[in-house]
Amino acid sequence: MTEIIAQQLLDPFRAGLIFFLVVTAHRTRATMGLRTPLVLGVIFVAAMLPLTTGGGMVEQAGGVLPAMAYGLVTNTILLGIVLFGWAIWERTRRS
C-alpha cells in the first residue's frame, strides 16, 4: 500500500493536475465556491488516472477500484500540500 501511494505521490502528472485544479478553483471561487470543485476534482483525478493510464499501478493495487481508493488518499495529501503552499504564497504576497 505505501509503495503505491509513494509512487503516486512522486507522479508529476498527478501533482500537476492537482496544482492546476487548485489554480482553477481559486479563479472560479466567486461563482463556484472552493470546496465543491476541489472535492470533485480530487475524485475525478483519482478515477481518471487508473482508467486511462492503467498498467502497472492497477496491477500492483489489485484492480481498478483499489487503485482509485489509493488515488483518493494520494490526491488528498497532494491537495493539502498545494493548499498549504498556496496559503504561504498568499500570506507572503500580502505583506
N, C-alpha and C. Protein backbone atom coordinates (compact mmCIF):
# COMPACT_ATOMS: atom_id res chain seq x y z
N MET A 1 0.82 -1.19 0.00
CA MET A 1 0.00 0.00 0.00
C MET A 1 0.87 1.26 0.00
N THR A 2 1.86 1.31 0.89
CA THR A 2 2.69 2.51 0.97
C THR A 2 3.52 2.68 -0.30
N GLU A 3 3.88 1.57 -0.94
CA GLU A 3 4.63 1.67 -2.19
C GLU A 3 3.80 2.35 -3.28
N ILE A 4 2.53 1.98 -3.35
CA ILE A 4 1.65 2.54 -4.37
C ILE A 4 1.42 4.02 -4.11
N ILE A 5 1.17 4.38 -2.86
CA ILE A 5 0.94 5.78 -2.52
C ILE A 5 2.21 6.59 -2.76
N ALA A 6 3.37 6.05 -2.40
CA ALA A 6 4.63 6.76 -2.65
C ALA A 6 4.85 6.94 -4.15
N GLN A 7 4.54 5.92 -4.92
CA GLN A 7 4.68 6.01 -6.37
C GLN A 7 3.75 7.09 -6.94
N GLN A 8 2.54 7.14 -6.42
CA GLN A 8 1.58 8.14 -6.90
C GLN A 8 1.97 9.55 -6.44
N LEU A 9 2.52 9.68 -5.25
CA LEU A 9 2.95 10.99 -4.77
C LEU A 9 4.08 11.56 -5.63
N LEU A 10 4.90 10.71 -6.18
CA LEU A 10 6.02 11.15 -7.00
C LEU A 10 5.67 11.30 -8.47
N ASP A 11 4.42 11.06 -8.82
CA ASP A 11 3.97 11.18 -10.21
C ASP A 11 3.78 12.66 -10.56
N PRO A 12 4.61 13.21 -11.45
CA PRO A 12 4.48 14.65 -11.76
C PRO A 12 3.19 15.00 -12.48
N PHE A 13 2.63 14.06 -13.24
CA PHE A 13 1.37 14.33 -13.93
C PHE A 13 0.24 14.51 -12.93
N ARG A 14 0.17 13.64 -11.94
CA ARG A 14 -0.86 13.73 -10.89
C ARG A 14 -0.68 15.02 -10.10
N ALA A 15 0.55 15.34 -9.73
CA ALA A 15 0.81 16.56 -8.96
C ALA A 15 0.43 17.79 -9.77
N GLY A 16 0.74 17.77 -11.07
CA GLY A 16 0.37 18.90 -11.92
C GLY A 16 -1.14 19.06 -12.05
N LEU A 17 -1.85 17.96 -12.18
CA LEU A 17 -3.31 18.03 -12.25
C LEU A 17 -3.90 18.63 -10.97
N ILE A 18 -3.38 18.22 -9.83
CA ILE A 18 -3.88 18.75 -8.55
C ILE A 18 -3.53 20.23 -8.42
N PHE A 19 -2.31 20.61 -8.81
CA PHE A 19 -1.90 22.02 -8.73
C PHE A 19 -2.82 22.89 -9.59
N PHE A 20 -3.04 22.48 -10.83
CA PHE A 20 -3.88 23.30 -11.71
C PHE A 20 -5.35 23.21 -11.33
N LEU A 21 -5.75 22.16 -10.64
CA LEU A 21 -7.09 22.11 -10.06
C LEU A 21 -7.25 23.23 -9.03
N VAL A 22 -6.25 23.42 -8.19
CA VAL A 22 -6.30 24.48 -7.18
C VAL A 22 -6.29 25.85 -7.84
N VAL A 23 -5.48 26.03 -8.87
CA VAL A 23 -5.44 27.31 -9.58
C VAL A 23 -6.80 27.63 -10.18
N THR A 24 -7.40 26.65 -10.84
CA THR A 24 -8.72 26.85 -11.45
C THR A 24 -9.78 27.10 -10.40
N ALA A 25 -9.73 26.38 -9.29
CA ALA A 25 -10.73 26.57 -8.23
C ALA A 25 -10.63 27.96 -7.62
N HIS A 26 -9.41 28.47 -7.49
CA HIS A 26 -9.27 29.82 -6.94
C HIS A 26 -9.76 30.87 -7.93
N ARG A 27 -9.60 30.63 -9.21
CA ARG A 27 -10.09 31.59 -10.20
C ARG A 27 -11.61 31.61 -10.28
N THR A 28 -12.25 30.50 -10.04
CA THR A 28 -13.71 30.44 -10.13
C THR A 28 -14.37 30.46 -8.76
N ARG A 29 -13.61 30.83 -7.74
CA ARG A 29 -14.11 30.81 -6.36
C ARG A 29 -15.34 31.68 -6.18
N ALA A 30 -15.42 32.82 -6.85
CA ALA A 30 -16.55 33.74 -6.67
C ALA A 30 -17.87 33.13 -7.13
N THR A 31 -17.84 32.31 -8.17
CA THR A 31 -19.09 31.75 -8.67
C THR A 31 -19.35 30.33 -8.18
N MET A 32 -18.30 29.52 -8.01
CA MET A 32 -18.47 28.11 -7.67
C MET A 32 -18.20 27.79 -6.21
N GLY A 33 -17.55 28.69 -5.50
CA GLY A 33 -17.08 28.33 -4.17
C GLY A 33 -15.75 27.62 -4.31
N LEU A 34 -15.23 27.11 -3.21
CA LEU A 34 -13.91 26.48 -3.26
C LEU A 34 -13.97 24.99 -2.97
N ARG A 35 -14.81 24.59 -2.05
CA ARG A 35 -14.81 23.18 -1.62
C ARG A 35 -15.33 22.21 -2.67
N THR A 36 -16.44 22.54 -3.26
CA THR A 36 -17.06 21.61 -4.22
C THR A 36 -16.15 21.31 -5.42
N PRO A 37 -15.58 22.33 -6.07
CA PRO A 37 -14.68 22.00 -7.19
C PRO A 37 -13.46 21.19 -6.75
N LEU A 38 -12.92 21.48 -5.57
CA LEU A 38 -11.74 20.74 -5.11
C LEU A 38 -12.08 19.28 -4.83
N VAL A 39 -13.19 19.05 -4.17
CA VAL A 39 -13.59 17.66 -3.85
C VAL A 39 -13.89 16.89 -5.13
N LEU A 40 -14.65 17.49 -6.02
CA LEU A 40 -14.98 16.80 -7.27
C LEU A 40 -13.75 16.60 -8.14
N GLY A 41 -12.83 17.55 -8.12
CA GLY A 41 -11.60 17.41 -8.89
C GLY A 41 -10.71 16.30 -8.37
N VAL A 42 -10.61 16.18 -7.04
CA VAL A 42 -9.82 15.10 -6.44
C VAL A 42 -10.41 13.74 -6.81
N ILE A 43 -11.72 13.63 -6.77
CA ILE A 43 -12.38 12.37 -7.14
C ILE A 43 -12.17 12.08 -8.63
N PHE A 44 -12.30 13.12 -9.46
CA PHE A 44 -12.13 12.94 -10.90
C PHE A 44 -10.72 12.46 -11.25
N VAL A 45 -9.70 13.09 -10.66
CA VAL A 45 -8.32 12.69 -10.95
C VAL A 45 -8.05 11.27 -10.44
N ALA A 46 -8.61 10.94 -9.27
CA ALA A 46 -8.42 9.60 -8.72
C ALA A 46 -9.05 8.53 -9.61
N ALA A 47 -10.15 8.85 -10.27
CA ALA A 47 -10.80 7.89 -11.15
C ALA A 47 -10.19 7.90 -12.54
N MET A 48 -9.81 9.07 -13.03
CA MET A 48 -9.35 9.19 -14.40
C MET A 48 -8.01 8.50 -14.63
N LEU A 49 -7.07 8.68 -13.75
CA LEU A 49 -5.73 8.14 -14.00
C LEU A 49 -5.69 6.62 -14.08
N PRO A 50 -6.28 5.87 -13.15
CA PRO A 50 -6.24 4.41 -13.32
C PRO A 50 -7.03 3.92 -14.53
N LEU A 51 -8.10 4.63 -14.88
CA LEU A 51 -8.90 4.20 -16.02
C LEU A 51 -8.23 4.49 -17.36
N THR A 52 -7.42 5.54 -17.42
CA THR A 52 -6.82 5.90 -18.70
C THR A 52 -5.39 5.39 -18.84
N THR A 53 -4.61 5.44 -17.76
CA THR A 53 -3.21 5.01 -17.86
C THR A 53 -3.06 3.55 -17.49
N GLY A 54 -3.82 3.11 -16.48
CA GLY A 54 -3.82 1.70 -16.09
C GLY A 54 -2.43 1.14 -15.88
N GLY A 55 -2.17 0.03 -16.52
CA GLY A 55 -0.85 -0.58 -16.48
C GLY A 55 -0.44 -1.13 -15.13
N GLY A 56 0.81 -0.90 -14.78
CA GLY A 56 1.40 -1.50 -13.59
C GLY A 56 0.76 -1.06 -12.29
N MET A 57 0.31 0.20 -12.23
CA MET A 57 -0.28 0.68 -10.99
C MET A 57 -1.56 -0.08 -10.65
N VAL A 58 -2.38 -0.32 -11.64
CA VAL A 58 -3.63 -1.04 -11.41
C VAL A 58 -3.35 -2.48 -11.00
N GLU A 59 -2.36 -3.10 -11.64
CA GLU A 59 -1.99 -4.47 -11.28
C GLU A 59 -1.40 -4.53 -9.88
N GLN A 60 -0.57 -3.55 -9.53
CA GLN A 60 0.01 -3.50 -8.18
C GLN A 60 -1.07 -3.33 -7.13
N ALA A 61 -2.05 -2.50 -7.41
CA ALA A 61 -3.10 -2.21 -6.43
C ALA A 61 -4.09 -3.36 -6.30
N GLY A 62 -4.15 -4.22 -7.29
CA GLY A 62 -5.09 -5.34 -7.23
C GLY A 62 -6.40 -5.06 -7.92
N GLY A 63 -6.43 -4.11 -8.81
CA GLY A 63 -7.64 -3.80 -9.56
C GLY A 63 -7.84 -2.30 -9.66
N VAL A 64 -8.87 -1.94 -10.42
CA VAL A 64 -9.13 -0.52 -10.66
C VAL A 64 -9.66 0.17 -9.41
N LEU A 65 -10.59 -0.46 -8.71
CA LEU A 65 -11.18 0.19 -7.53
C LEU A 65 -10.16 0.45 -6.42
N PRO A 66 -9.29 -0.52 -6.08
CA PRO A 66 -8.26 -0.19 -5.09
C PRO A 66 -7.30 0.91 -5.57
N ALA A 67 -6.99 0.92 -6.86
CA ALA A 67 -6.13 1.98 -7.40
C ALA A 67 -6.80 3.34 -7.26
N MET A 68 -8.11 3.38 -7.47
CA MET A 68 -8.85 4.64 -7.28
C MET A 68 -8.85 5.06 -5.82
N ALA A 69 -9.01 4.10 -4.91
CA ALA A 69 -9.00 4.41 -3.48
C ALA A 69 -7.64 4.94 -3.04
N TYR A 70 -6.57 4.32 -3.52
CA TYR A 70 -5.23 4.84 -3.22
C TYR A 70 -5.05 6.21 -3.84
N GLY A 71 -5.63 6.42 -5.00
CA GLY A 71 -5.56 7.72 -5.65
C GLY A 71 -6.26 8.80 -4.85
N LEU A 72 -7.39 8.45 -4.22
CA LEU A 72 -8.08 9.42 -3.37
C LEU A 72 -7.19 9.85 -2.21
N VAL A 73 -6.53 8.87 -1.59
CA VAL A 73 -5.63 9.19 -0.47
C VAL A 73 -4.48 10.07 -0.95
N THR A 74 -3.87 9.68 -2.06
CA THR A 74 -2.75 10.43 -2.60
C THR A 74 -3.16 11.83 -3.01
N ASN A 75 -4.28 11.95 -3.69
CA ASN A 75 -4.74 13.26 -4.14
C ASN A 75 -5.07 14.18 -2.96
N THR A 76 -5.61 13.62 -1.90
CA THR A 76 -5.91 14.41 -0.71
C THR A 76 -4.62 14.93 -0.07
N ILE A 77 -3.60 14.08 -0.02
CA ILE A 77 -2.31 14.52 0.51
C ILE A 77 -1.72 15.61 -0.37
N LEU A 78 -1.72 15.41 -1.68
CA LEU A 78 -1.19 16.41 -2.60
C LEU A 78 -1.98 17.71 -2.52
N LEU A 79 -3.30 17.61 -2.40
CA LEU A 79 -4.14 18.80 -2.27
C LEU A 79 -3.78 19.57 -1.01
N GLY A 80 -3.56 18.87 0.09
CA GLY A 80 -3.16 19.53 1.32
C GLY A 80 -1.83 20.25 1.18
N ILE A 81 -0.88 19.62 0.51
CA ILE A 81 0.43 20.24 0.29
C ILE A 81 0.29 21.49 -0.58
N VAL A 82 -0.47 21.39 -1.65
CA VAL A 82 -0.63 22.52 -2.56
C VAL A 82 -1.38 23.66 -1.87
N LEU A 83 -2.43 23.34 -1.12
CA LEU A 83 -3.16 24.39 -0.41
C LEU A 83 -2.31 25.05 0.66
N PHE A 84 -1.46 24.29 1.32
CA PHE A 84 -0.54 24.85 2.31
C PHE A 84 0.44 25.81 1.63
N GLY A 85 1.00 25.39 0.51
CA GLY A 85 1.90 26.26 -0.24
C GLY A 85 1.19 27.50 -0.75
N TRP A 86 -0.05 27.33 -1.20
CA TRP A 86 -0.83 28.46 -1.70
C TRP A 86 -1.09 29.46 -0.57
N ALA A 87 -1.40 28.97 0.62
CA ALA A 87 -1.65 29.86 1.76
C ALA A 87 -0.39 30.63 2.14
N ILE A 88 0.75 29.96 2.11
CA ILE A 88 2.01 30.64 2.41
C ILE A 88 2.30 31.70 1.35
N TRP A 89 2.07 31.34 0.08
CA TRP A 89 2.28 32.28 -1.02
C TRP A 89 1.40 33.52 -0.85
N GLU A 90 0.14 33.33 -0.55
CA GLU A 90 -0.79 34.45 -0.37
C GLU A 90 -0.38 35.32 0.82
N ARG A 91 0.04 34.69 1.89
CA ARG A 91 0.42 35.44 3.09
C ARG A 91 1.67 36.28 2.83
N THR A 92 2.65 35.72 2.14
CA THR A 92 3.88 36.48 1.86
C THR A 92 3.63 37.56 0.80
N ARG A 93 2.70 37.32 -0.08
CA ARG A 93 2.38 38.31 -1.11
C ARG A 93 1.69 39.54 -0.53
N ARG A 94 0.89 39.32 0.50
CA ARG A 94 0.16 40.44 1.12
C ARG A 94 1.06 41.33 1.97
N SER A 95 2.07 40.74 2.58
CA SER A 95 2.90 41.55 3.49
C SER A 95 4.09 42.19 2.81
